[in-house]
Protein backbone atom coordinates (compact mmCIF):
# COMPACT_ATOMS: atom_id res chain seq x y z
CA MET A 1 -10.92 -8.09 -21.09
CA THR A 2 -11.59 -8.55 -17.48
CA GLU A 3 -9.65 -6.89 -14.65
CA LYS A 4 -7.91 -10.12 -13.83
CA GLU A 5 -6.94 -10.76 -17.49
CA ARG A 6 -5.53 -7.15 -17.73
CA PHE A 7 -3.59 -7.82 -14.46
CA ASP A 8 -2.10 -10.96 -15.81
CA GLN A 9 -1.12 -9.28 -19.06
CA ASP A 10 0.17 -5.95 -17.60
CA GLY A 11 1.11 -6.65 -14.00
CA PHE A 12 -1.34 -4.00 -12.81
CA VAL A 13 -4.95 -2.87 -13.19
CA ILE A 14 -7.07 0.00 -12.00
CA PHE A 15 -10.52 -0.26 -10.35
CA ARG A 16 -12.56 2.98 -10.39
CA ASN A 17 -14.87 4.45 -7.75
CA VAL A 18 -14.19 1.70 -5.11
CA LEU A 19 -14.66 3.72 -1.86
CA ASP A 20 -17.25 6.42 -1.14
CA GLU A 21 -16.46 10.13 -0.57
CA GLY A 22 -17.24 9.79 3.14
CA LEU A 23 -14.65 7.12 3.78
CA ILE A 24 -12.12 8.90 1.65
CA ALA A 25 -12.70 12.03 3.75
CA GLU A 26 -11.99 10.06 6.80
CA ALA A 27 -8.82 8.62 5.28
CA ASN A 28 -7.66 12.27 4.58
CA ALA A 29 -8.46 13.23 8.19
CA HIS A 30 -6.51 10.20 9.30
CA VAL A 31 -3.42 11.37 7.37
CA ASP A 32 -3.63 14.78 9.03
CA TRP A 33 -4.14 13.14 12.44
CA LEU A 34 -1.11 10.84 11.87
CA MET A 35 1.10 13.80 10.77
CA ASN A 36 0.05 15.74 13.91
CA LYS A 37 0.72 12.68 16.12
CA HIS A 38 4.05 11.86 14.47
CA PRO A 39 5.81 15.14 13.56
CA GLU A 40 9.16 13.32 13.44
CA LEU A 41 8.09 11.45 10.30
CA ARG A 42 7.87 12.72 6.77
CA PRO A 43 4.30 12.34 5.37
CA GLU A 44 5.71 9.84 2.79
CA ASP A 45 6.72 7.56 5.73
CA LEU A 46 3.54 6.92 7.73
CA ASN A 47 4.32 3.16 7.50
CA HIS A 48 3.31 -0.30 8.85
CA THR A 49 4.83 0.18 12.25
CA LEU A 50 1.89 2.58 13.11
CA VAL A 51 -0.93 0.15 12.21
CA GLN A 52 -0.92 -2.38 15.14
CA HIS A 53 -3.04 -0.48 17.53
CA ASP A 54 -4.89 1.93 15.21
CA PRO A 55 -8.57 1.10 14.93
CA PHE A 56 -9.35 3.34 11.89
CA TRP A 57 -6.36 2.01 9.95
CA VAL A 58 -7.51 -1.64 10.47
CA ARG A 59 -11.10 -0.69 9.77
CA LEU A 60 -10.07 0.97 6.42
CA VAL A 61 -7.85 -2.04 5.19
CA SER A 62 -10.58 -4.52 6.22
CA ASP A 63 -13.32 -2.82 4.22
CA ASP A 64 -15.28 -5.42 2.29
CA ARG A 65 -14.91 -3.46 -1.03
CA LEU A 66 -11.11 -3.76 -0.77
CA LEU A 67 -11.15 -7.36 0.33
CA ASN A 68 -13.41 -8.31 -2.60
CA ILE A 69 -10.93 -6.89 -4.98
CA ALA A 70 -8.01 -8.65 -3.26
CA GLU A 71 -9.93 -11.94 -3.24
CA GLN A 72 -9.94 -11.96 -7.02
CA PHE A 73 -6.10 -12.18 -7.00
CA ILE A 74 -5.12 -14.17 -3.94
CA GLY A 75 -8.32 -16.17 -2.96
CA PRO A 76 -10.75 -16.06 -0.07
CA ASN A 77 -8.41 -16.50 2.90
CA ILE A 78 -6.92 -13.05 3.36
CA ALA A 79 -4.41 -11.48 5.72
CA LEU A 80 -2.82 -8.09 5.94
CA PHE A 81 0.93 -8.04 5.64
CA ALA A 82 1.66 -4.32 5.56
CA SER A 83 0.13 -0.99 4.92
CA HIS A 84 1.81 2.47 4.32
CA TYR A 85 0.46 5.96 3.58
CA ILE A 86 2.85 7.58 1.04
CA CYS A 87 1.67 11.19 1.04
CA LYS A 88 3.76 13.66 -0.98
CA PRO A 89 3.37 17.27 0.16
CA PRO A 90 3.01 20.06 -2.31
CA ARG A 91 6.28 21.18 -4.04
CA ASP A 92 8.29 18.88 -1.69
CA GLY A 93 7.08 15.43 -2.25
CA GLN A 94 9.84 12.86 -2.67
CA ALA A 95 10.24 10.40 -5.52
CA VAL A 96 9.89 6.66 -5.34
CA LEU A 97 12.67 5.23 -7.51
CA TRP A 98 12.07 2.30 -9.87
CA HIS A 99 11.71 -0.87 -7.87
CA GLN A 100 9.89 -4.24 -7.50
CA ASP A 101 7.99 -4.45 -4.13
CA GLY A 102 8.89 -8.18 -3.64
CA SER A 103 12.64 -7.27 -3.35
CA TYR A 104 11.82 -5.74 0.01
CA TRP A 105 9.58 -8.39 1.62
CA PRO A 106 10.30 -11.39 3.80
CA LEU A 107 7.42 -13.54 2.43
CA ASP A 108 7.50 -17.28 1.60
CA PRO A 109 6.14 -17.89 -0.93
CA MET A 110 5.95 -14.49 -2.67
CA GLU A 111 2.14 -14.64 -2.97
CA VAL A 112 0.96 -11.14 -2.28
CA VAL A 113 -0.98 -8.41 -4.04
CA THR A 114 -0.77 -4.66 -3.45
CA LEU A 115 -3.85 -2.42 -3.50
CA TRP A 116 -2.92 1.33 -3.97
CA LEU A 117 -5.89 3.45 -2.69
CA ALA A 118 -5.96 7.01 -3.99
CA VAL A 119 -6.83 9.27 -0.99
CA SER A 120 -6.36 12.23 -3.13
CA GLY A 121 -6.17 12.75 -6.88
CA ALA A 122 -2.94 11.44 -8.50
CA SER A 123 -1.61 12.72 -11.88
CA PRO A 124 1.78 13.30 -13.53
CA ASP A 125 2.19 16.84 -12.03
CA ASN A 126 1.83 15.70 -8.37
CA GLY A 127 3.83 12.43 -8.69
CA CYS A 128 1.43 9.66 -9.53
CA MET A 129 2.52 6.08 -9.60
CA ARG A 130 4.15 4.94 -12.93
CA VAL A 131 4.23 1.31 -13.95
CA ILE A 132 6.30 -0.61 -16.68
CA PRO A 133 3.64 -3.03 -18.04
CA GLY A 134 4.60 -6.60 -18.38
CA THR A 135 7.59 -6.55 -16.08
CA GLN A 136 5.90 -8.84 -13.68
CA GLU A 137 7.53 -11.60 -15.66
CA MET A 138 11.03 -10.43 -14.56
CA ASP A 139 12.86 -12.09 -11.60
CA LEU A 140 13.14 -9.90 -8.54
CA GLN A 141 16.27 -7.84 -8.77
CA GLU A 142 18.81 -6.91 -6.07
CA LEU A 143 18.25 -3.55 -4.48
CA GLN A 144 20.71 -0.70 -4.52
CA GLN A 145 21.05 1.90 -1.77
CA ARG A 146 20.25 5.34 -3.26
CA ASN A 147 21.01 8.51 -1.26
CA ASP A 148 22.17 10.70 -4.13
CA ILE A 149 18.77 12.16 -4.58
CA PRO A 150 15.85 12.54 -2.07
CA ASN A 151 13.65 9.43 -2.33
CA VAL A 152 11.14 7.70 -0.17
CA LEU A 153 12.77 4.24 0.04
CA ASN A 154 16.44 5.35 -0.03
CA SER A 155 16.91 2.56 -2.52
CA GLY A 156 15.96 1.35 -5.97
CA MET A 157 16.87 -1.05 -8.60
CA ASP A 158 19.52 -0.92 -11.49
CA GLU A 159 17.93 1.74 -13.72
CA GLY A 160 19.99 0.39 -16.68
CA ILE A 161 17.54 -2.48 -16.97
CA VAL A 162 14.42 -0.28 -16.85
CA ASP A 163 12.92 0.90 -20.20
CA ASP A 164 11.05 4.02 -18.93
CA LYS A 165 9.89 4.85 -22.45
CA THR A 166 7.12 2.23 -21.85
CA ALA A 167 6.02 3.64 -18.56
CA VAL A 168 2.32 4.24 -17.94
CA ASP A 169 1.03 7.00 -15.64
CA CYS A 170 -1.60 5.76 -13.20
CA VAL A 171 -4.04 8.76 -13.21
CA MET A 172 -6.46 8.23 -10.36
CA ALA A 173 -9.27 10.04 -8.56
CA PRO A 174 -10.01 9.75 -4.79
CA GLY A 175 -11.45 6.42 -4.13
CA ASP A 176 -9.91 4.62 -7.12
CA VAL A 177 -7.74 1.57 -6.50
CA SER A 178 -4.82 0.17 -8.50
CA VAL A 179 -3.70 -3.42 -7.97
CA HIS A 180 -0.13 -4.50 -8.86
CA HIS A 181 2.00 -7.63 -8.84
CA PRO A 182 5.03 -7.85 -6.46
CA ASN A 183 7.45 -8.15 -9.45
CA VAL A 184 6.15 -5.37 -11.65
CA ILE A 185 8.58 -2.48 -11.96
CA HIS A 186 7.07 0.79 -10.75
CA GLY A 187 7.91 4.13 -9.18
CA SER A 188 6.83 7.75 -9.06
CA ASN A 189 8.31 11.26 -9.69
CA PRO A 190 8.47 14.11 -7.09
CA ASN A 191 5.49 16.21 -6.37
CA THR A 192 6.29 19.64 -7.83
CA SER A 193 2.68 20.79 -7.88
CA ASP A 194 0.77 22.95 -5.44
CA ARG A 195 -1.38 20.10 -4.15
CA TRP A 196 -1.03 16.99 -2.17
CA ARG A 197 -0.62 13.49 -3.55
CA ARG A 198 -1.93 11.12 -0.95
CA GLY A 199 -2.16 7.29 -1.29
CA LEU A 200 -2.35 4.20 0.89
CA THR A 201 -0.57 0.96 -0.05
CA ILE A 202 -2.21 -2.16 1.27
CA ARG A 203 -0.37 -5.50 0.99
CA TYR A 204 -2.65 -8.45 1.21
CA ILE A 205 -1.44 -12.15 1.34
CA PRO A 206 -3.29 -15.48 1.34
CA THR A 207 -3.06 -16.84 4.85
CA THR A 208 -0.83 -19.66 3.48
CA THR A 209 2.03 -17.06 2.93
CA ARG A 210 4.48 -16.91 5.77
CA ILE A 211 5.66 -13.60 7.06
CA GLY A 212 9.33 -13.79 8.11
CA VAL A 213 9.91 -12.01 11.45
CA ASP A 214 13.06 -11.81 13.59
CA HIS A 215 11.29 -11.04 16.83
CA PRO A 216 8.72 -12.81 19.12
CA GLY A 217 5.02 -12.23 18.32
CA PRO A 218 3.32 -11.05 15.22
CA HIS A 219 4.59 -8.57 12.61
CA PRO A 220 3.19 -5.13 13.66
CA SER A 221 0.74 -4.96 10.75
CA ALA A 222 -0.25 -8.68 10.57
CA PHE A 223 -4.02 -9.08 10.78
CA HIS A 224 -6.29 -11.89 9.69
CA LEU A 225 -8.95 -10.32 7.76
CA ARG A 226 -11.15 -12.91 6.01
CA GLY A 227 -11.61 -16.69 5.65
CA ASP A 228 -9.49 -19.38 7.29
CA ALA A 229 -6.02 -19.10 8.73
CA PRO A 230 -3.98 -22.40 9.04
CA GLU A 231 -2.22 -22.87 12.39
CA GLY A 232 1.52 -22.62 12.43
CA ILE A 233 1.94 -20.15 9.53
CA ASN A 234 1.66 -16.57 11.08
CA ASP A 235 0.81 -14.97 14.39
CA TYR A 236 -1.69 -12.20 14.01
CA ASN A 237 -2.46 -9.15 16.03
CA PRO A 238 -5.78 -8.84 17.93
CA ARG A 239 -8.32 -6.35 16.58
CA PRO A 240 -7.42 -2.96 17.97
CA VAL A 241 -9.66 -1.21 20.49
CA TYR A 242 -10.89 2.31 20.11
CA ASN A 243 -10.87 4.90 22.83
CA GLU A 244 -11.47 8.57 22.29
CA THR A 245 -8.31 9.63 24.24
CA ASP A 246 -5.82 7.86 21.93
CA TRP A 247 -7.40 7.39 18.52
CA MET A 248 -9.10 9.37 15.79
CA PRO A 249 -12.92 9.14 15.93
CA PHE A 250 -14.58 7.67 12.80
CA ALA A 251 -17.96 6.45 11.67
CA GLY A 252 -18.62 3.22 13.56
CA CYS A 253 -15.75 3.63 16.03
CA ASN A 254 -17.98 2.66 18.96
CA ASP A 255 -18.14 -0.82 17.44
CA TRP A 256 -14.41 -1.07 18.08
CA LYS A 257 -14.65 -0.56 21.84
């Protein structure tokens, strides 16, 4: 069975050893740098609003190895919709309650694929992602606000319709990438271990998908990354510029000046 066939069957698939150790080390350094720069944010909430001017972030999500995977699912004309580091600290990492990503997103049509990049190892003890296979066939459900327990999204779906006995743990090594459908039900438990669980979500769309925005100008994490972009669909941010005063240094950063 090919990766695409498994994705069509289960709503998710894992690609192993996608990114090299050097780039993963830079991604870990980027998380540390972001946490230092934004002490007001929990490490689970280093979200899309931080992407717009950050050269390393855009360099990472535009890596050809990631785009080549995305192209298998959404075609050759690719844009970034959003990206979010969800990094659960040791012993205090919050859960992500059962949900479908598409319930949160202002996309028309809902043609989008998520790549989840393992920046550290992920396993059941430190709160790896869990998926309910086959639920990509379910319609998007209404979200419910949830503040009764600590959780990253402060919301989730009606757990009465989730059969968690069929859940699959996505055990991943640094550099692995999982791909999941916007309708597939997934979540993750708290991190009760003594080690970090760091991951980066990357939401890629075909350039024919419209991002709904309620403000002038582009969505803060909208970037045209590959192929053609039809006029009149989305506004995109310009490629960010690197300077050593404001941004984390990285391999090739001088090419972003």
